C-alpha atoms as a PDB file:
ATOM      1  CA  UNK A   1     -19.544  12.863   2.119  1.00  0.00           C
ATOM      2  CA  UNK A   2     -15.823  13.031   1.247  1.00  0.00           C
ATOM      3  CA  UNK A   3     -14.402  11.324  -1.821  1.00  0.00           C
ATOM      4  CA  UNK A   4     -11.177   9.415  -1.124  1.00  0.00           C
ATOM      5  CA  UNK A   5      -8.957   8.112  -3.917  1.00  0.00           C
ATOM      6  CA  UNK A   6      -6.626   5.231  -3.071  1.00  0.00           C
ATOM      7  CA  UNK A   7      -3.744   4.510  -5.447  1.00  0.00           C
ATOM      8  CA  UNK A   8      -1.351   1.579  -5.861  1.00  0.00           C
ATOM      9  CA  UNK A   9       0.424  -0.321  -8.612  1.00  0.00           C
ATOM     10  CA  UNK A  10      -1.894  -3.266  -8.011  1.00  0.00           C
ATOM     11  CA  UNK A  11      -4.384  -4.479  -5.417  1.00  0.00           C
ATOM     12  CA  UNK A  12      -2.000  -4.120  -2.470  1.00  0.00           C
ATOM     13  CA  UNK A  13      -3.586  -0.806  -1.565  1.00  0.00           C
ATOM     14  CA  UNK A  14      -6.843  -2.582  -0.791  1.00  0.00           C
ATOM     15  CA  UNK A  15      -5.202  -3.659   2.488  1.00  0.00           C
ATOM     16  CA  UNK A  16      -5.056   0.041   3.402  1.00  0.00           C
ATOM     17  CA  UNK A  17      -8.442   0.779   1.832  1.00  0.00           C
ATOM     18  CA  UNK A  18     -10.084  -1.748   4.144  1.00  0.00           C
ATOM     19  CA  UNK A  19      -8.822   0.079   7.249  1.00  0.00           C
ATOM     20  CA  UNK A  20      -9.998   3.442   5.890  1.00  0.00           C
ATOM     21  CA  UNK A  21     -13.445   2.079   5.025  1.00  0.00           C
ATOM     22  CA  UNK A  22     -13.787   0.732   8.574  1.00  0.00           C
ATOM     23  CA  UNK A  23     -13.123   4.175  10.070  1.00  0.00           C
ATOM     24  CA  UNK A  24     -15.006   6.155   7.387  1.00  0.00           C
ATOM     25  CA  UNK A  25     -17.796   3.854   6.170  1.00  0.00           C
ATOM     26  CA  UNK A  26     -19.873   6.692   4.704  1.00  0.00           C
ATOM     27  CA  UNK A  27     -17.169   8.140   2.454  1.00  0.00           C
ATOM     28  CA  UNK A  28     -17.070   7.716  -1.315  1.00  0.00           C
ATOM     29  CA  UNK A  29     -14.122   5.722  -2.648  1.00  0.00           C
ATOM     30  CA  UNK A  30     -12.212   5.368  -5.892  1.00  0.00           C
ATOM     31  CA  UNK A  31      -9.375   2.883  -6.294  1.00  0.00           C
ATOM     32  CA  UNK A  32      -6.780   3.374  -9.034  1.00  0.00           C
ATOM     33  CA  UNK A  33      -4.193   0.710  -9.811  1.00  0.00           C
ATOM     34  CA  UNK A  34      -1.357   1.131 -12.291  1.00  0.00           C
ATOM     35  CA  UNK A  35      -1.188  -2.569 -13.032  1.00  0.00           C
ATOM     36  CA  UNK A  36       0.369  -1.913 -16.444  1.00  0.00           C
ATOM     37  CA  UNK A  37       3.608  -1.286 -14.523  1.00  0.00           C
ATOM     38  CA  UNK A  38       3.092  -3.780 -11.701  1.00  0.00           C
ATOM     39  CA  UNK A  39       5.154  -4.116  -9.549  1.00  0.00           C
ATOM     40  CA  UNK A  40       6.404  -0.605  -8.795  1.00  0.00           C
ATOM     41  CA  UNK A  41       9.275  -2.205  -6.901  1.00  0.00           C
ATOM     42  CA  UNK A  42      10.949  -2.789 -10.269  1.00  0.00           C
ATOM     43  CA  UNK A  43      10.265   0.691 -11.708  1.00  0.00           C
ATOM     44  CA  UNK A  44      12.540   3.722 -11.692  1.00  0.00           C
ATOM     45  CA  UNK A  45      11.885   6.736  -9.485  1.00  0.00           C
ATOM     46  CA  UNK A  46      11.430   8.922 -12.574  1.00  0.00           C
ATOM     47  CA  UNK A  47       8.817   6.559 -14.013  1.00  0.00           C
ATOM     48  CA  UNK A  48       6.816   6.464 -10.780  1.00  0.00           C
ATOM     49  CA  UNK A  49       6.876  10.241 -10.420  1.00  0.00           C
ATOM     50  CA  UNK A  50       5.687  10.586 -14.015  1.00  0.00           C
ATOM     51  CA  UNK A  51       2.765   8.188 -13.490  1.00  0.00           C
ATOM     52  CA  UNK A  52       1.622  10.007 -10.365  1.00  0.00           C
ATOM     53  CA  UNK A  53       1.892  13.363 -12.133  1.00  0.00           C
ATOM     54  CA  UNK A  54      -0.404  11.998 -14.827  1.00  0.00           C
ATOM     55  CA  UNK A  55      -2.828  10.728 -12.165  1.00  0.00           C
ATOM     56  CA  UNK A  56      -3.075  14.237 -10.731  1.00  0.00           C
ATOM     57  CA  UNK A  57      -3.953  15.540 -14.200  1.00  0.00           C
ATOM     58  CA  UNK A  58      -6.562  12.824 -14.771  1.00  0.00           C
ATOM     59  CA  UNK A  59      -8.482  13.213 -11.516  1.00  0.00           C
ATOM     60  CA  UNK A  60      -9.242  16.837 -12.365  1.00  0.00           C
ATOM     61  CA  UNK A  61     -11.719  15.382 -14.848  1.00  0.00           C
ATOM     62  CA  UNK A  62     -13.364  12.922 -12.444  1.00  0.00           C
ATOM     63  CA  UNK A  63     -17.125  13.258 -12.166  1.00  0.00           C
ATOM     64  CA  UNK A  64     -16.850  13.724  -8.408  1.00  0.00           C
ATOM     65  CA  UNK A  65     -14.197  15.994  -6.881  1.00  0.00           C
ATOM     66  CA  UNK A  66     -11.475  14.136  -5.003  1.00  0.00           C
ATOM     67  CA  UNK A  67     -11.039  15.381  -1.426  1.00  0.00           C
ATOM     68  CA  UNK A  68      -8.015  13.308  -0.425  1.00  0.00           C
ATOM     69  CA  UNK A  69      -5.519  10.981  -2.105  1.00  0.00           C
ATOM     70  CA  UNK A  70      -3.874   8.006  -0.419  1.00  0.00           C
ATOM     71  CA  UNK A  71      -0.753   6.695  -2.129  1.00  0.00           C
ATOM     72  CA  UNK A  72      -1.130   3.194  -0.711  1.00  0.00           C
ATOM     73  CA  UNK A  73       2.211   1.987  -2.013  1.00  0.00           C
ATOM     74  CA  UNK A  74       5.423   2.095   0.000  1.00  0.00           C
ATOM     75  CA  UNK A  75       7.603   2.349  -3.101  1.00  0.00           C
ATOM     76  CA  UNK A  76       5.611   5.200  -4.639  1.00  0.00           C
ATOM     77  CA  UNK A  77       5.415   7.021  -1.303  1.00  0.00           C
ATOM     78  CA  UNK A  78       9.131   6.812  -0.567  1.00  0.00           C
ATOM     79  CA  UNK A  79      10.104   7.814  -4.106  1.00  0.00           C
ATOM     80  CA  UNK A  80       7.418  10.234  -5.302  1.00  0.00           C
ATOM     81  CA  UNK A  81       5.296  11.581  -2.436  1.00  0.00           C
ATOM     82  CA  UNK A  82       7.121  14.906  -2.058  1.00  0.00           C
ATOM     83  CA  UNK A  83       7.173  15.555  -5.812  1.00  0.00           C
ATOM     84  CA  UNK A  84       3.488  14.694  -6.205  1.00  0.00           C
ATOM     85  CA  UNK A  85       2.390  16.981  -3.363  1.00  0.00           C
ATOM     86  CA  UNK A  86       3.869  19.920  -5.282  1.00  0.00           C
ATOM     87  CA  UNK A  87       1.438  19.287  -8.154  1.00  0.00           C
ATOM     88  CA  UNK A  88      -1.879  19.633  -6.328  1.00  0.00           C
ATOM     89  CA  UNK A  89      -3.644  21.293  -3.410  1.00  0.00           C
ATOM     90  CA  UNK A  90      -5.471  18.031  -2.642  1.00  0.00           C
ATOM     91  CA  UNK A  91      -4.150  16.518   0.622  1.00  0.00           C
ATOM     92  CA  UNK A  92      -2.044  13.413  -0.024  1.00  0.00           C
ATOM     93  CA  UNK A  93      -1.330  10.711   2.546  1.00  0.00           C
ATOM     94  CA  UNK A  94       1.535   8.322   1.858  1.00  0.00           C
ATOM     95  CA  UNK A  95       2.482   4.939   3.260  1.00  0.00           C
ATOM     96  CA  UNK A  96       5.957   4.252   4.612  1.00  0.00           C
ATOM     97  CA  UNK A  97       7.383   1.154   6.319  1.00  0.00           C
ATOM     98  CA  UNK A  98       6.362   0.898   9.976  1.00  0.00           C
ATOM     99  CA  UNK A  99       9.941   0.928  11.258  1.00  0.00           C
ATOM    100  CA  UNK A 100       9.195   3.064  14.335  1.00  0.00           C
ATOM    101  CA  UNK A 101       6.424   0.905  15.876  1.00  0.00           C
ATOM    102  CA  UNK A 102       8.409  -2.256  15.122  1.00  0.00           C
ATOM    103  CA  UNK A 103      11.489  -0.877  16.872  1.00  0.00           C
ATOM    104  CA  UNK A 104       9.361   0.098  19.877  1.00  0.00           C
ATOM    105  CA  UNK A 105       7.651  -3.304  20.117  1.00  0.00           C
ATOM    106  CA  UNK A 106      10.671  -5.533  19.505  1.00  0.00           C
ATOM    107  CA  UNK A 107      11.867  -7.244  22.674  1.00  0.00           C
ATOM    108  CA  UNK A 108      14.873  -8.804  20.976  1.00  0.00           C
ATOM    109  CA  UNK A 109      15.880  -5.458  19.426  1.00  0.00           C
ATOM    110  CA  UNK A 110      16.060  -7.342  16.162  1.00  0.00           C
ATOM    111  CA  UNK A 111      13.546  -6.575  13.391  1.00  0.00           C
ATOM    112  CA  UNK A 112      13.249  -7.289   9.685  1.00  0.00           C
ATOM    113  CA  UNK A 113      11.895  -5.178   6.873  1.00  0.00           C
ATOM    114  CA  UNK A 114      10.233  -7.210   4.134  1.00  0.00           C
ATOM    115  CA  UNK A 115       9.622  -4.983   1.112  1.00  0.00           C
ATOM    116  CA  UNK A 116      10.197  -4.631  -2.613  1.00  0.00           C
ATOM    117  CA  UNK A 117      13.728  -3.841  -3.875  1.00  0.00           C
ATOM    118  CA  UNK A 118      12.898  -0.185  -4.549  1.00  0.00           C
ATOM    119  CA  UNK A 119      11.594   0.349  -1.004  1.00  0.00           C
ATOM    120  CA  UNK A 120      14.288  -1.515   0.890  1.00  0.00           C
ATOM    121  CA  UNK A 121      17.132   0.097  -1.061  1.00  0.00           C
ATOM    122  CA  UNK A 122      16.116   3.758  -1.079  1.00  0.00           C
ATOM    123  CA  UNK A 123      17.475   6.653   0.956  1.00  0.00           C
ATOM    124  CA  UNK A 124      14.110   7.432   2.604  1.00  0.00           C
ATOM    125  CA  UNK A 125      13.899   3.951   4.116  1.00  0.00           C
ATOM    126  CA  UNK A 126      17.491   4.160   5.333  1.00  0.00           C
ATOM    127  CA  UNK A 127      16.679   7.501   6.969  1.00  0.00           C
ATOM    128  CA  UNK A 128      13.649   5.959   8.731  1.00  0.00           C
ATOM    129  CA  UNK A 129      15.851   3.208  10.115  1.00  0.00           C
ATOM    130  CA  UNK A 130      18.539   5.642  11.250  1.00  0.00           C
ATOM    131  CA  UNK A 131      15.978   7.878  12.968  1.00  0.00           C
ATOM    132  CA  UNK A 132      13.624   5.368  14.552  1.00  0.00           C
ATOM    133  CA  UNK A 133      15.513   2.080  14.964  1.00  0.00           C
ATOM    134  CA  UNK A 134      18.559   3.240  16.877  1.00  0.00           C
ATOM    135  CA  UNK A 135      19.760   0.351  18.998  1.00  0.00           C
ATOM    136  CA  UNK A 136      17.982  -2.241  16.857  1.00  0.00           C
ATOM    137  CA  UNK A 137      19.408  -4.580  14.299  1.00  0.00           C
ATOM    138  CA  UNK A 138      17.342  -4.142  11.134  1.00  0.00           C
ATOM    139  CA  UNK A 139      17.627  -6.796   8.436  1.00  0.00           C
ATOM    140  CA  UNK A 140      16.499  -5.804   4.935  1.00  0.00           C
ATOM    141  CA  UNK A 141      14.746  -8.381   2.768  1.00  0.00           C
ATOM    142  CA  UNK A 142      13.298  -8.022  -0.718  1.00  0.00           C
ATOM    143  CA  UNK A 143      10.628  -9.849  -2.688  1.00  0.00           C
ATOM    144  CA  UNK A 144       8.569  -9.187  -5.790  1.00  0.00           C
ATOM    145  CA  UNK A 145       7.345 -12.789  -5.971  1.00  0.00           C
ATOM    146  CA  UNK A 146       5.211 -12.169  -2.879  1.00  0.00           C
ATOM    147  CA  UNK A 147       3.528  -9.328  -4.786  1.00  0.00           C
ATOM    148  CA  UNK A 148       2.499 -11.742  -7.533  1.00  0.00           C
ATOM    149  CA  UNK A 149       1.262 -14.291  -4.991  1.00  0.00           C
ATOM    150  CA  UNK A 150      -0.799 -11.631  -3.218  1.00  0.00           C
ATOM    151  CA  UNK A 151      -2.360 -10.569  -6.518  1.00  0.00           C
ATOM    152  CA  UNK A 152      -3.299 -14.169  -7.271  1.00  0.00           C
ATOM    153  CA  UNK A 153      -4.739 -14.722  -3.815  1.00  0.00           C
ATOM    154  CA  UNK A 154      -6.823 -11.535  -3.839  1.00  0.00           C
ATOM    155  CA  UNK A 155      -8.449 -12.158  -7.197  1.00  0.00           C
ATOM    156  CA  UNK A 156      -8.683 -15.939  -7.313  1.00  0.00           C
ATOM    157  CA  UNK A 157      -8.855 -16.773  -3.597  1.00  0.00           C
ATOM    158  CA  UNK A 158      -6.339 -19.542  -4.218  1.00  0.00           C
ATOM    159  CA  UNK A 159      -2.708 -19.591  -3.182  1.00  0.00           C
ATOM    160  CA  UNK A 160       0.140 -21.846  -4.240  1.00  0.00           C
ATOM    161  CA  UNK A 161       1.466 -22.690  -0.780  1.00  0.00           C
ATOM    162  CA  UNK A 162       4.466 -24.502  -2.224  1.00  0.00           C
ATOM    163  CA  UNK A 163       5.553 -21.345  -4.061  1.00  0.00           C
ATOM    164  CA  UNK A 164       4.876 -19.221  -0.965  1.00  0.00           C
ATOM    165  CA  UNK A 165       6.894 -21.468   1.331  1.00  0.00           C
ATOM    166  CA  UNK A 166       9.713 -21.683  -1.208  1.00  0.00           C
ATOM    167  CA  UNK A 167       9.871 -17.877  -1.425  1.00  0.00           C
ATOM    168  CA  UNK A 168       9.826 -17.454   2.366  1.00  0.00           C
ATOM    169  CA  UNK A 169      12.604 -20.035   2.689  1.00  0.00           C
ATOM    170  CA  UNK A 170      14.604 -18.132   0.072  1.00  0.00           C
ATOM    171  CA  UNK A 171      14.047 -14.812   1.899  1.00  0.00           C
ATOM    172  CA  UNK A 172      15.385 -16.552   5.015  1.00  0.00           C
ATOM    173  CA  UNK A 173      14.510 -14.129   7.817  1.00  0.00           C
ATOM    174  CA  UNK A 174      16.690 -14.677  10.896  1.00  0.00           C
ATOM    175  CA  UNK A 175      15.070 -16.781  13.634  1.00  0.00           C
ATOM    176  CA  UNK A 176      15.948 -14.119  16.243  1.00  0.00           C
ATOM    177  CA  UNK A 177      13.701 -11.532  14.566  1.00  0.00           C
ATOM    178  CA  UNK A 178      10.539 -10.921  16.609  1.00  0.00           C
ATOM    179  CA  UNK A 179       8.958  -8.153  14.474  1.00  0.00           C
ATOM    180  CA  UNK A 180       8.611  -8.189  10.693  1.00  0.00           C
ATOM    181  CA  UNK A 181       7.664  -4.931   9.008  1.00  0.00           C
ATOM    182  CA  UNK A 182       5.454  -5.612   5.997  1.00  0.00           C
ATOM    183  CA  UNK A 183       6.880  -2.825   3.839  1.00  0.00           C
ATOM    184  CA  UNK A 184       4.660  -3.458   0.837  1.00  0.00           C
ATOM    185  CA  UNK A 185       0.889  -3.033   0.964  1.00  0.00           C
ATOM    186  CA  UNK A 186       0.484  -6.308  -0.944  1.00  0.00           C
ATOM    187  CA  UNK A 187       1.965  -8.319   1.898  1.00  0.00           C
ATOM    188  CA  UNK A 188      -0.854  -7.895   4.493  1.00  0.00           C
ATOM    189  CA  UNK A 189      -3.109  -9.711   1.997  1.00  0.00           C
ATOM    190  CA  UNK A 190      -0.989 -12.775   2.835  1.00  0.00           C
ATOM    191  CA  UNK A 191      -0.828 -12.018   6.569  1.00  0.00           C
ATOM    192  CA  UNK A 192      -2.720 -15.145   7.676  1.00  0.00           C
ATOM    193  CA  UNK A 193      -0.343 -17.384   5.755  1.00  0.00           C
ATOM    194  CA  UNK A 194       2.713 -15.400   6.816  1.00  0.00           C
ATOM    195  CA  UNK A 195       1.658 -15.673  10.462  1.00  0.00           C
ATOM    196  CA  UNK A 196       1.285 -19.422  10.098  1.00  0.00           C
ATOM    197  CA  UNK A 197       4.760 -19.675   8.596  1.00  0.00           C
ATOM    198  CA  UNK A 198       6.596 -17.469  11.102  1.00  0.00           C
ATOM    199  CA  UNK A 199       4.643 -18.482  14.202  1.00  0.00           C
ATOM    200  CA  UNK A 200       3.209 -16.653  17.202  1.00  0.00           C
ATOM    201  CA  UNK A 201       6.591 -15.452  18.421  1.00  0.00           C
ATOM    202  CA  UNK A 202       6.872 -13.075  15.457  1.00  0.00           C
ATOM    203  CA  UNK A 203       4.680  -9.991  15.103  1.00  0.00           C
ATOM    204  CA  UNK A 204       3.760  -8.757  11.628  1.00  0.00           C
ATOM    205  CA  UNK A 205       3.470  -4.965  11.508  1.00  0.00           C
ATOM    206  CA  UNK A 206       2.069  -2.794   8.727  1.00  0.00           C
ATOM    207  CA  UNK A 207       0.919   0.821   8.406  1.00  0.00           C
ATOM    208  CA  UNK A 208      -2.715   0.287   7.368  1.00  0.00           C
ATOM    209  CA  UNK A 209      -4.518   1.309  10.548  1.00  0.00           C
ATOM    210  CA  UNK A 210      -2.217   4.269  11.212  1.00  0.00           C
ATOM    211  CA  UNK A 211      -2.846   5.550   7.683  1.00  0.00           C
ATOM    212  CA  UNK A 212      -6.613   5.223   8.185  1.00  0.00           C
ATOM    213  CA  UNK A 213      -6.390   7.249  11.398  1.00  0.00           C
ATOM    214  CA  UNK A 214      -4.461   9.963   9.552  1.00  0.00           C
ATOM    215  CA  UNK A 215      -7.080  10.080   6.796  1.00  0.00           C
ATOM    216  CA  UNK A 216      -9.891  10.349   9.336  1.00  0.00           C
ATOM    217  CA  UNK A 217      -8.114  13.214  11.089  1.00  0.00           C
ATOM    218  CA  UNK A 218      -7.543  15.159   7.853  1.00  0.00           C
ATOM    219  CA  UNK A 219     -11.206  14.780   6.859  1.00  0.00           C
ATOM    220  CA  UNK A 220     -12.701  15.488  10.280  1.00  0.00           C
ATOM    221  CA  UNK A 221     -14.271  18.749   9.110  1.00  0.00           C
ATOM    222  CA  UNK A 222     -15.470  17.471   5.739  1.00  0.00           C
ATOM    223  CA  UNK A 223     -18.863  15.832   6.140  1.00  0.00           C
ATOM    224  CA  UNK A 224     -20.207  16.624   2.696  1.00  0.00           C
ATOM    225  CA  UNK A 225     -23.834  16.851   1.697  1.00  0.00           C
ATOM    226  CA  UNK A 226     -26.072  14.655   3.845  1.00  0.00           C
ATOM    227  CA  UNK A 227     -28.233  14.111   0.763  1.00  0.00           C
ATOM    228  CA  UNK A 228     -25.386  12.512  -1.178  1.00  0.00           C
ATOM    229  CA  UNK A 229     -26.099   9.014  -2.421  1.00  0.00           C
ATOM    230  CA  UNK A 230     -23.255   6.640  -1.612  1.00  0.00           C
ATOM    231  CA  UNK A 231     -21.933   5.110  -4.834  1.00  0.00           C
ATOM    232  CA  UNK A 232     -20.186   1.742  -5.173  1.00  0.00           C
ATOM    233  CA  UNK A 233     -16.413   1.642  -5.022  1.00  0.00           C
ATOM    234  CA  UNK A 234     -15.163   2.823  -8.419  1.00  0.00           C
ATOM    235  CA  UNK A 235     -12.218   0.732  -9.572  1.00  0.00           C
ATOM    236  CA  UNK A 236      -9.794   1.996 -12.252  1.00  0.00           C
ATOM    237  CA  UNK A 237      -6.998   0.007 -13.899  1.00  0.00           C
ATOM    238  CA  UNK A 238      -4.329   0.908 -16.454  1.00  0.00           C
ATOM    239  CA  UNK A 239      -4.228  -2.568 -18.019  1.00  0.00           C
ATOM    240  CA  UNK A 240      -6.739  -5.349 -18.624  1.00  0.00           C
ATOM    241  CA  UNK A 241      -6.301  -8.097 -16.083  1.00  0.00           C
ATOM    242  CA  UNK A 242      -8.905 -10.610 -17.176  1.00  0.00           C
ATOM    243  CA  UNK A 243     -10.472 -10.571 -13.730  1.00  0.00           C
ATOM    244  CA  UNK A 244     -14.179 -10.954 -13.179  1.00  0.00           C
ATOM    245  CA  UNK A 245     -15.410  -7.911 -11.276  1.00  0.00           C
ATOM    246  CA  UNK A 246     -16.049  -8.426  -7.601  1.00  0.00           C
ATOM    247  CA  UNK A 247     -19.512  -7.691  -6.302  1.00  0.00           C
ATOM    248  CA  UNK A 248     -20.071  -4.008  -5.563  1.00  0.00           C
ATOM    249  CA  UNK A 249     -17.088  -2.831  -7.622  1.00  0.00           C
ATOM    250  CA  UNK A 250     -17.590  -0.801 -10.783  1.00  0.00           C
ATOM    251  CA  UNK A 251     -14.486  -0.871 -13.006  1.00  0.00           C
ATOM    252  CA  UNK A 252     -13.121   1.498 -15.638  1.00  0.00           C
ATOM    253  CA  UNK A 253      -9.933   1.922 -17.654  1.00  0.00           C
ATOM    254  CA  UNK A 254      -7.545   4.800 -16.985  1.00  0.00           C
ATOM    255  CA  UNK A 255      -4.472   5.874 -18.953  1.00  0.00           C
ATOM    256  CA  UNK A 256      -1.527   7.171 -16.937  1.00  0.00           C
ATOM    257  CA  UNK A 257       0.872   7.517 -19.884  1.00  0.00           C
ATOM    258  CA  UNK A 258       0.864  11.305 -20.169  1.00  0.00           C
END
């Protein structure tokens, strides 16, 4: 069975991981989070490229060979995907904001991108908008506070709704917007609460399922050894987070400061 490594700065990539696990339930999975530098939306492009280069070096020593890497972080994908692909022969799938499907689905021709500062401000994102959202008004919104709220909600299963509502009020997405692109993999973790806030007239769009389909396609010829024993999800972190391990998750430390 194939071994898939999913990478993010925090637990946002688990929103993508869930889609991949649904399509490829028999694969082996490792999840690496660089939470020492969370959130990546505040890091420089050079720093992110350096951390991913170190990850490529580290996985060569993994007990089980990695067959495919998913960079489940919009910021890391838009800033470091091309550079990282040059460092390894392992297939790498990135995550980019779902501008194209949002532009297709919007009836009002008015969409919003909700992302971290590094994603919403970079040239790659602007190119996506220019190529796929012609004829649409695209509003750019930024938030790192939503990243922190998603982290809290994932680990503690509690959410400060007052802080969430205050942040969404501050972001102030135009009422005419009918599609919101969740341009950070942390944000789908809050999708139920976001849907309640914005209402049924607004569609929340992320890349998770499309990424899972791409992974399945790339691994279609890699079935692995039928005698392989499926291991629990292996979870790696670059910094202690004081979190009690979730059931079925084995955790280890990893150093990405090469």
